[in-house]
Amino acid sequence: MTQSAEWTIVRRPMWETETMHVLWYQGESRIAISEEEKTPGNSLLANVIVDRLNSGTEIDEYHESGDWIIDRPVGTDPDDNGVLILDIDGDVRIEILDSEDEEENVRLGMKVAMILNTTDFSNLASLPIVRIPPTLPSPFGQTLPVRNHG
């Protein structure tokens, strides 16, 4: 019997034409990847992140010299413990969703940034493929906070 993965991916409709990839850790939504017209695609990003987090392999220590960096939301409530992950253009691509443990949120953000910084996206054939359900089943569709980081 195989052990179930700690991290899973679901898709949640945001608007009529867009979806959000949500990465769940043991039944709790932890990471959101909003739909963007960018490459690599968000399904690929979600697959890479979940595969590495579930693999148990060591992840390099975070440093800000890579293409993906972490940041904190600006102008939000002081109790907001969410963490943003920005791409090379400085655009918000991924959000570590707010939880009660600010330090854990930052550590998870650093892990995700380093996973992306150490992934060779030029060799797409070697990257993991995880089956992603088409949409997040009800009743979870209404539980995820959506923020506009404009």
N, C-alpha and C. Protein backbone atom coordinates (compact mmCIF):
# COMPACT_ATOMS: atom_id res chain seq x y z
N MET A 1 0.85 -1.18 0.00
CA MET A 1 0.00 0.00 0.00
C MET A 1 0.89 1.24 0.00
N THR A 2 0.59 2.19 -0.86
CA THR A 2 1.39 3.39 -0.94
C THR A 2 0.85 4.47 -0.01
N GLN A 3 1.78 5.27 0.50
CA GLN A 3 1.40 6.36 1.38
C GLN A 3 0.91 7.53 0.53
N SER A 4 -0.15 8.20 0.99
CA SER A 4 -0.65 9.33 0.21
C SER A 4 0.28 10.52 0.39
N ALA A 5 0.36 11.35 -0.63
CA ALA A 5 1.24 12.51 -0.61
C ALA A 5 0.70 13.56 0.36
N GLU A 6 1.63 14.27 1.01
CA GLU A 6 1.23 15.33 1.93
C GLU A 6 0.70 16.54 1.17
N TRP A 7 1.27 16.80 -0.02
CA TRP A 7 0.88 17.97 -0.83
C TRP A 7 0.07 17.50 -2.03
N THR A 8 -1.01 18.22 -2.33
CA THR A 8 -1.82 17.94 -3.51
C THR A 8 -2.14 19.25 -4.21
N ILE A 9 -2.57 19.14 -5.46
CA ILE A 9 -2.92 20.31 -6.26
C ILE A 9 -4.39 20.23 -6.64
N VAL A 10 -5.07 21.36 -6.51
CA VAL A 10 -6.43 21.46 -7.02
C VAL A 10 -6.53 22.77 -7.80
N ARG A 11 -7.54 22.85 -8.64
CA ARG A 11 -7.79 24.10 -9.37
C ARG A 11 -9.10 24.68 -8.90
N ARG A 12 -9.12 25.98 -8.71
CA ARG A 12 -10.31 26.67 -8.24
C ARG A 12 -10.67 27.77 -9.23
N PRO A 13 -11.92 27.84 -9.67
CA PRO A 13 -12.32 28.94 -10.55
C PRO A 13 -12.22 30.27 -9.81
N MET A 14 -11.66 31.28 -10.48
CA MET A 14 -11.59 32.62 -9.89
C MET A 14 -12.62 33.53 -10.54
N TRP A 15 -12.52 33.63 -11.83
CA TRP A 15 -13.45 34.42 -12.62
C TRP A 15 -13.91 33.55 -13.77
N GLU A 16 -14.69 34.11 -14.64
CA GLU A 16 -15.26 33.32 -15.73
C GLU A 16 -14.20 32.66 -16.59
N THR A 17 -13.08 33.35 -16.82
CA THR A 17 -12.07 32.82 -17.74
C THR A 17 -10.76 32.43 -17.06
N GLU A 18 -10.68 32.53 -15.73
CA GLU A 18 -9.41 32.23 -15.06
C GLU A 18 -9.61 31.24 -13.93
N THR A 19 -8.54 30.51 -13.64
CA THR A 19 -8.55 29.58 -12.52
C THR A 19 -7.32 29.85 -11.66
N MET A 20 -7.33 29.30 -10.48
CA MET A 20 -6.21 29.41 -9.56
C MET A 20 -5.79 28.00 -9.18
N HIS A 21 -4.49 27.72 -9.20
CA HIS A 21 -3.98 26.46 -8.68
C HIS A 21 -3.75 26.65 -7.19
N VAL A 22 -4.30 25.74 -6.40
CA VAL A 22 -4.15 25.81 -4.95
C VAL A 22 -3.44 24.56 -4.49
N LEU A 23 -2.35 24.74 -3.76
CA LEU A 23 -1.60 23.61 -3.24
C LEU A 23 -1.99 23.40 -1.79
N TRP A 24 -2.48 22.21 -1.51
CA TRP A 24 -2.99 21.86 -0.19
C TRP A 24 -1.95 21.03 0.54
N TYR A 25 -1.76 21.32 1.82
CA TYR A 25 -0.89 20.51 2.68
C TYR A 25 -1.77 19.84 3.72
N GLN A 26 -1.89 18.54 3.63
CA GLN A 26 -2.69 17.74 4.56
C GLN A 26 -4.07 18.36 4.81
N GLY A 27 -4.75 18.72 3.73
CA GLY A 27 -6.11 19.21 3.82
C GLY A 27 -6.26 20.70 4.06
N GLU A 28 -5.16 21.44 4.13
CA GLU A 28 -5.22 22.88 4.35
C GLU A 28 -4.64 23.61 3.14
N SER A 29 -5.35 24.62 2.63
CA SER A 29 -4.81 25.38 1.51
C SER A 29 -3.65 26.24 1.99
N ARG A 30 -2.49 26.11 1.33
CA ARG A 30 -1.28 26.79 1.78
C ARG A 30 -0.65 27.68 0.72
N ILE A 31 -0.78 27.30 -0.55
CA ILE A 31 -0.10 28.04 -1.63
C ILE A 31 -1.10 28.28 -2.74
N ALA A 32 -1.13 29.52 -3.27
CA ALA A 32 -2.02 29.85 -4.39
C ALA A 32 -1.18 30.37 -5.54
N ILE A 33 -1.47 29.85 -6.73
CA ILE A 33 -0.82 30.31 -7.95
C ILE A 33 -1.93 30.82 -8.86
N SER A 34 -1.99 32.13 -9.04
CA SER A 34 -3.04 32.72 -9.87
C SER A 34 -2.73 32.52 -11.34
N GLU A 35 -3.78 32.46 -12.13
CA GLU A 35 -3.63 32.26 -13.58
C GLU A 35 -2.98 33.48 -14.19
N GLU A 36 -1.97 33.27 -15.00
CA GLU A 36 -1.25 34.35 -15.68
C GLU A 36 -0.94 33.89 -17.10
N GLU A 37 -0.74 34.85 -17.96
CA GLU A 37 -0.29 34.54 -19.31
C GLU A 37 1.23 34.59 -19.34
N LYS A 38 1.87 33.68 -18.63
CA LYS A 38 3.32 33.66 -18.54
C LYS A 38 3.82 32.24 -18.80
N THR A 39 5.11 32.15 -19.07
CA THR A 39 5.76 30.86 -19.24
C THR A 39 6.87 30.77 -18.20
N PRO A 40 7.08 29.66 -17.52
CA PRO A 40 6.32 28.44 -17.66
C PRO A 40 4.92 28.56 -17.08
N GLY A 41 4.03 27.72 -17.55
CA GLY A 41 2.65 27.77 -17.12
C GLY A 41 2.49 27.41 -15.66
N ASN A 42 1.38 27.84 -15.11
CA ASN A 42 1.14 27.62 -13.69
C ASN A 42 0.91 26.17 -13.33
N SER A 43 0.37 25.37 -14.25
CA SER A 43 0.25 23.94 -13.99
C SER A 43 1.63 23.33 -13.80
N LEU A 44 2.57 23.75 -14.63
CA LEU A 44 3.94 23.26 -14.51
C LEU A 44 4.56 23.71 -13.19
N LEU A 45 4.37 24.98 -12.82
CA LEU A 45 4.91 25.46 -11.55
C LEU A 45 4.33 24.64 -10.39
N ALA A 46 3.02 24.45 -10.40
CA ALA A 46 2.37 23.68 -9.34
C ALA A 46 2.93 22.26 -9.28
N ASN A 47 3.10 21.63 -10.43
CA ASN A 47 3.65 20.27 -10.49
C ASN A 47 5.05 20.20 -9.90
N VAL A 48 5.90 21.13 -10.29
CA VAL A 48 7.29 21.14 -9.82
C VAL A 48 7.33 21.33 -8.31
N ILE A 49 6.56 22.27 -7.80
CA ILE A 49 6.57 22.56 -6.36
C ILE A 49 6.07 21.35 -5.57
N VAL A 50 4.94 20.79 -5.96
CA VAL A 50 4.37 19.65 -5.24
C VAL A 50 5.30 18.45 -5.30
N ASP A 51 5.88 18.18 -6.47
CA ASP A 51 6.78 17.04 -6.61
C ASP A 51 7.98 17.17 -5.67
N ARG A 52 8.60 18.34 -5.63
CA ARG A 52 9.77 18.53 -4.77
C ARG A 52 9.40 18.51 -3.29
N LEU A 53 8.28 19.14 -2.92
CA LEU A 53 7.89 19.13 -1.51
C LEU A 53 7.54 17.72 -1.03
N ASN A 54 6.91 16.92 -1.90
CA ASN A 54 6.55 15.55 -1.53
C ASN A 54 7.73 14.59 -1.58
N SER A 55 8.77 14.94 -2.34
CA SER A 55 9.90 14.02 -2.52
C SER A 55 10.75 13.87 -1.26
N GLY A 56 10.75 14.88 -0.41
CA GLY A 56 11.58 14.83 0.79
C GLY A 56 13.03 15.14 0.53
N THR A 57 13.39 15.46 -0.72
CA THR A 57 14.78 15.80 -1.01
C THR A 57 15.11 17.17 -0.42
N GLU A 58 16.38 17.33 -0.08
CA GLU A 58 16.82 18.59 0.54
C GLU A 58 16.71 19.73 -0.48
N ILE A 59 16.30 20.88 0.02
CA ILE A 59 16.14 22.07 -0.82
C ILE A 59 17.22 23.06 -0.41
N ASP A 60 17.88 23.65 -1.41
CA ASP A 60 18.95 24.60 -1.14
C ASP A 60 18.49 25.72 -0.23
N GLU A 61 19.44 26.28 0.52
CA GLU A 61 19.12 27.41 1.40
C GLU A 61 18.80 28.64 0.56
N TYR A 62 17.82 29.39 1.00
CA TYR A 62 17.33 30.56 0.26
C TYR A 62 18.38 31.67 0.22
N HIS A 63 18.49 32.28 -0.94
CA HIS A 63 19.28 33.50 -1.12
C HIS A 63 18.58 34.33 -2.19
N GLU A 64 18.76 35.64 -2.13
CA GLU A 64 18.02 36.53 -3.03
C GLU A 64 18.69 36.75 -4.37
N SER A 65 19.64 35.93 -4.74
CA SER A 65 20.32 36.14 -6.02
C SER A 65 19.67 35.36 -7.17
N GLY A 66 18.59 34.64 -6.90
CA GLY A 66 17.91 33.89 -7.95
C GLY A 66 16.84 34.71 -8.64
N ASP A 67 16.20 34.10 -9.64
CA ASP A 67 15.13 34.77 -10.38
C ASP A 67 13.86 34.91 -9.56
N TRP A 68 13.62 34.00 -8.63
CA TRP A 68 12.41 33.99 -7.82
C TRP A 68 12.78 34.45 -6.41
N ILE A 69 12.09 35.48 -5.91
CA ILE A 69 12.38 36.00 -4.58
C ILE A 69 11.09 36.13 -3.77
N ILE A 70 11.24 36.19 -2.45
CA ILE A 70 10.06 36.34 -1.61
C ILE A 70 9.91 37.80 -1.17
N ASP A 71 8.69 38.16 -0.84
CA ASP A 71 8.37 39.50 -0.39
C ASP A 71 7.15 39.39 0.52
N ARG A 72 6.82 40.45 1.19
CA ARG A 72 5.64 40.50 2.05
C ARG A 72 4.62 41.43 1.42
N PRO A 73 3.33 41.16 1.60
CA PRO A 73 2.32 42.08 1.06
C PRO A 73 2.47 43.48 1.65
N VAL A 74 2.34 44.48 0.80
CA VAL A 74 2.46 45.87 1.23
C VAL A 74 1.07 46.43 1.48
N GLY A 75 0.92 47.18 2.56
CA GLY A 75 -0.34 47.85 2.84
C GLY A 75 -1.46 46.94 3.27
N THR A 76 -1.10 45.76 3.79
CA THR A 76 -2.14 44.85 4.27
C THR A 76 -2.22 44.94 5.78
N ASP A 77 -3.19 44.28 6.33
CA ASP A 77 -3.40 44.23 7.77
C ASP A 77 -2.13 43.74 8.47
N PRO A 78 -1.74 44.35 9.60
CA PRO A 78 -0.52 43.90 10.31
C PRO A 78 -0.58 42.44 10.74
N ASP A 79 -1.78 41.89 10.87
CA ASP A 79 -1.91 40.48 11.24
C ASP A 79 -1.81 39.53 10.05
N ASP A 80 -1.63 40.08 8.85
CA ASP A 80 -1.51 39.26 7.65
C ASP A 80 -0.12 38.63 7.62
N ASN A 81 -0.06 37.31 7.69
CA ASN A 81 1.21 36.60 7.69
C ASN A 81 1.53 35.96 6.35
N GLY A 82 0.82 36.34 5.30
CA GLY A 82 1.08 35.77 3.98
C GLY A 82 2.43 36.20 3.44
N VAL A 83 2.93 35.44 2.47
CA VAL A 83 4.22 35.72 1.84
C VAL A 83 4.00 35.66 0.33
N LEU A 84 4.61 36.58 -0.39
CA LEU A 84 4.50 36.61 -1.85
C LEU A 84 5.79 36.08 -2.47
N ILE A 85 5.67 35.43 -3.63
CA ILE A 85 6.84 34.99 -4.39
C ILE A 85 6.76 35.67 -5.75
N LEU A 86 7.81 36.43 -6.06
CA LEU A 86 7.86 37.23 -7.27
C LEU A 86 8.77 36.58 -8.29
N ASP A 87 8.43 36.73 -9.58
CA ASP A 87 9.27 36.18 -10.64
C ASP A 87 10.35 37.19 -11.00
N ILE A 88 11.12 36.89 -12.04
CA ILE A 88 12.25 37.73 -12.44
C ILE A 88 11.82 39.15 -12.83
N ASP A 89 10.57 39.31 -13.28
CA ASP A 89 10.06 40.63 -13.65
C ASP A 89 9.53 41.41 -12.46
N GLY A 90 9.55 40.81 -11.27
CA GLY A 90 9.02 41.46 -10.08
C GLY A 90 7.52 41.36 -9.95
N ASP A 91 6.90 40.50 -10.76
CA ASP A 91 5.45 40.29 -10.70
C ASP A 91 5.13 39.22 -9.67
N VAL A 92 4.07 39.44 -8.89
CA VAL A 92 3.62 38.43 -7.93
C VAL A 92 3.06 37.25 -8.71
N ARG A 93 3.61 36.07 -8.50
CA ARG A 93 3.14 34.87 -9.19
C ARG A 93 2.53 33.86 -8.24
N ILE A 94 3.04 33.81 -7.00
CA ILE A 94 2.63 32.79 -6.04
C ILE A 94 2.43 33.45 -4.68
N GLU A 95 1.45 32.94 -3.93
CA GLU A 95 1.25 33.45 -2.58
C GLU A 95 1.21 32.29 -1.60
N ILE A 96 2.01 32.43 -0.54
CA ILE A 96 1.91 31.53 0.60
C ILE A 96 0.78 32.12 1.44
N LEU A 97 -0.30 31.36 1.58
CA LEU A 97 -1.49 31.89 2.22
C LEU A 97 -1.29 32.10 3.72
N ASP A 98 -1.97 33.08 4.22
CA ASP A 98 -1.89 33.48 5.61
C ASP A 98 -2.23 32.32 6.55
N SER A 99 -1.35 32.07 7.51
CA SER A 99 -1.64 31.13 8.60
C SER A 99 -1.16 31.79 9.88
N GLU A 100 -1.37 31.12 10.99
CA GLU A 100 -1.02 31.72 12.28
C GLU A 100 0.48 31.77 12.52
N ASP A 101 1.26 30.97 11.80
CA ASP A 101 2.70 30.89 12.05
C ASP A 101 3.47 31.66 10.97
N GLU A 102 3.80 32.90 11.28
CA GLU A 102 4.50 33.77 10.32
C GLU A 102 5.85 33.19 9.91
N GLU A 103 6.61 32.66 10.86
CA GLU A 103 7.93 32.10 10.54
C GLU A 103 7.81 30.90 9.61
N GLU A 104 6.81 30.05 9.83
CA GLU A 104 6.61 28.90 8.95
C GLU A 104 6.23 29.35 7.55
N ASN A 105 5.43 30.40 7.44
CA ASN A 105 5.06 30.94 6.13
C ASN A 105 6.29 31.43 5.38
N VAL A 106 7.18 32.12 6.07
CA VAL A 106 8.40 32.61 5.44
C VAL A 106 9.29 31.45 5.02
N ARG A 107 9.43 30.43 5.89
CA ARG A 107 10.25 29.26 5.53
C ARG A 107 9.69 28.55 4.29
N LEU A 108 8.35 28.41 4.24
CA LEU A 108 7.73 27.76 3.08
C LEU A 108 7.95 28.61 1.83
N GLY A 109 7.81 29.92 1.95
CA GLY A 109 8.08 30.81 0.81
C GLY A 109 9.51 30.67 0.31
N MET A 110 10.46 30.60 1.23
CA MET A 110 11.87 30.41 0.84
C MET A 110 12.08 29.08 0.13
N LYS A 111 11.44 28.02 0.65
CA LYS A 111 11.56 26.70 0.01
C LYS A 111 11.03 26.75 -1.43
N VAL A 112 9.84 27.32 -1.59
CA VAL A 112 9.23 27.37 -2.92
C VAL A 112 10.09 28.19 -3.87
N ALA A 113 10.59 29.34 -3.42
CA ALA A 113 11.45 30.17 -4.27
C ALA A 113 12.69 29.39 -4.69
N MET A 114 13.30 28.65 -3.78
CA MET A 114 14.51 27.91 -4.12
C MET A 114 14.20 26.70 -5.00
N ILE A 115 13.04 26.08 -4.82
CA ILE A 115 12.65 25.00 -5.73
C ILE A 115 12.63 25.54 -7.15
N LEU A 116 12.01 26.69 -7.34
CA LEU A 116 11.90 27.28 -8.68
C LEU A 116 13.26 27.77 -9.18
N ASN A 117 14.08 28.32 -8.29
CA ASN A 117 15.40 28.80 -8.69
C ASN A 117 16.34 27.67 -9.10
N THR A 118 16.12 26.48 -8.60
CA THR A 118 17.02 25.35 -8.89
C THR A 118 16.43 24.37 -9.90
N THR A 119 15.28 24.70 -10.49
CA THR A 119 14.66 23.84 -11.50
C THR A 119 15.08 24.30 -12.89
N ASP A 120 15.51 23.35 -13.70
CA ASP A 120 15.90 23.65 -15.09
C ASP A 120 14.66 23.53 -15.97
N PHE A 121 14.02 24.66 -16.22
CA PHE A 121 12.79 24.65 -17.02
C PHE A 121 13.07 24.45 -18.51
N SER A 122 14.34 24.46 -18.91
CA SER A 122 14.65 24.24 -20.33
C SER A 122 14.50 22.77 -20.71
N ASN A 123 14.51 21.88 -19.73
CA ASN A 123 14.38 20.45 -19.99
C ASN A 123 13.00 19.99 -19.50
N LEU A 124 11.96 20.42 -20.19
CA LEU A 124 10.59 20.16 -19.75
C LEU A 124 10.23 18.69 -19.70
N ALA A 125 10.87 17.86 -20.52
CA ALA A 125 10.53 16.43 -20.56
C ALA A 125 10.85 15.73 -19.24
N SER A 126 11.81 16.26 -18.48
CA SER A 126 12.21 15.61 -17.24
C SER A 126 11.41 16.09 -16.03
N LEU A 127 10.56 17.09 -16.21
CA LEU A 127 9.81 17.64 -15.08
C LEU A 127 8.59 16.79 -14.78
N PRO A 128 8.16 16.77 -13.51
CA PRO A 128 7.06 15.89 -13.09
C PRO A 128 5.72 16.31 -13.66
N ILE A 129 4.86 15.33 -13.86
CA ILE A 129 3.49 15.58 -14.29
C ILE A 129 2.58 15.01 -13.22
N VAL A 130 1.78 15.86 -12.60
CA VAL A 130 0.82 15.45 -11.59
C VAL A 130 -0.56 15.70 -12.15
N ARG A 131 -1.45 14.74 -12.01
CA ARG A 131 -2.81 14.94 -12.50
C ARG A 131 -3.52 15.95 -11.62
N ILE A 132 -4.03 17.01 -12.22
CA ILE A 132 -4.70 18.09 -11.49
C ILE A 132 -6.19 18.01 -11.78
N PRO A 133 -7.02 17.91 -10.73
CA PRO A 133 -8.46 17.90 -10.97
C PRO A 133 -8.89 19.19 -11.66
N PRO A 134 -9.94 19.15 -12.48
CA PRO A 134 -10.33 20.34 -13.23
C PRO A 134 -10.76 21.50 -12.36
N THR A 135 -11.42 21.26 -11.25
CA THR A 135 -11.81 22.34 -10.35
C THR A 135 -11.85 21.81 -8.93
N LEU A 136 -11.80 22.72 -7.99
CA LEU A 136 -11.86 22.37 -6.59
C LEU A 136 -13.28 21.97 -6.23
N PRO A 137 -13.46 20.80 -5.64
CA PRO A 137 -14.82 20.36 -5.33
C PRO A 137 -15.44 21.21 -4.23
N SER A 138 -16.75 21.34 -4.28
CA SER A 138 -17.50 22.03 -3.24
C SER A 138 -17.42 21.16 -1.99
N PRO A 139 -17.37 21.67 -0.79
CA PRO A 139 -17.62 23.03 -0.34
C PRO A 139 -16.39 23.91 -0.29
N PHE A 140 -15.22 23.41 -0.72
CA PHE A 140 -13.98 24.16 -0.58
C PHE A 140 -13.88 25.36 -1.51
N GLY A 141 -14.70 25.42 -2.53
CA GLY A 141 -14.62 26.51 -3.50
C GLY A 141 -14.79 27.89 -2.92
N GLN A 142 -15.41 28.01 -1.78
CA GLN A 142 -15.67 29.33 -1.21
C GLN A 142 -14.75 29.65 -0.02
N THR A 143 -13.81 28.78 0.33
CA THR A 143 -13.05 28.98 1.56
C THR A 143 -11.73 29.70 1.37
N LEU A 144 -11.26 29.88 0.16
CA LEU A 144 -9.93 30.45 -0.08
C LEU A 144 -10.01 31.96 -0.24
N PRO A 145 -9.31 32.73 0.58
CA PRO A 145 -9.33 34.18 0.39
C PRO A 145 -8.57 34.56 -0.86
N VAL A 146 -9.11 35.48 -1.63
CA VAL A 146 -8.43 35.95 -2.84
C VAL A 146 -8.06 37.40 -2.60
N ARG A 147 -6.79 37.71 -2.79
CA ARG A 147 -6.31 39.07 -2.57
C ARG A 147 -5.92 39.69 -3.88
N ASN A 148 -6.08 40.98 -3.98
CA ASN A 148 -5.63 41.71 -5.15
C ASN A 148 -4.39 42.49 -4.74
N HIS A 149 -3.24 42.12 -5.33
CA HIS A 149 -1.99 42.77 -4.95
C HIS A 149 -1.62 43.89 -5.89
N GLY A 150 -2.53 44.16 -6.86
CA GLY A 150 -2.44 45.25 -7.79
C GLY A 150 -1.15 45.86 -7.87
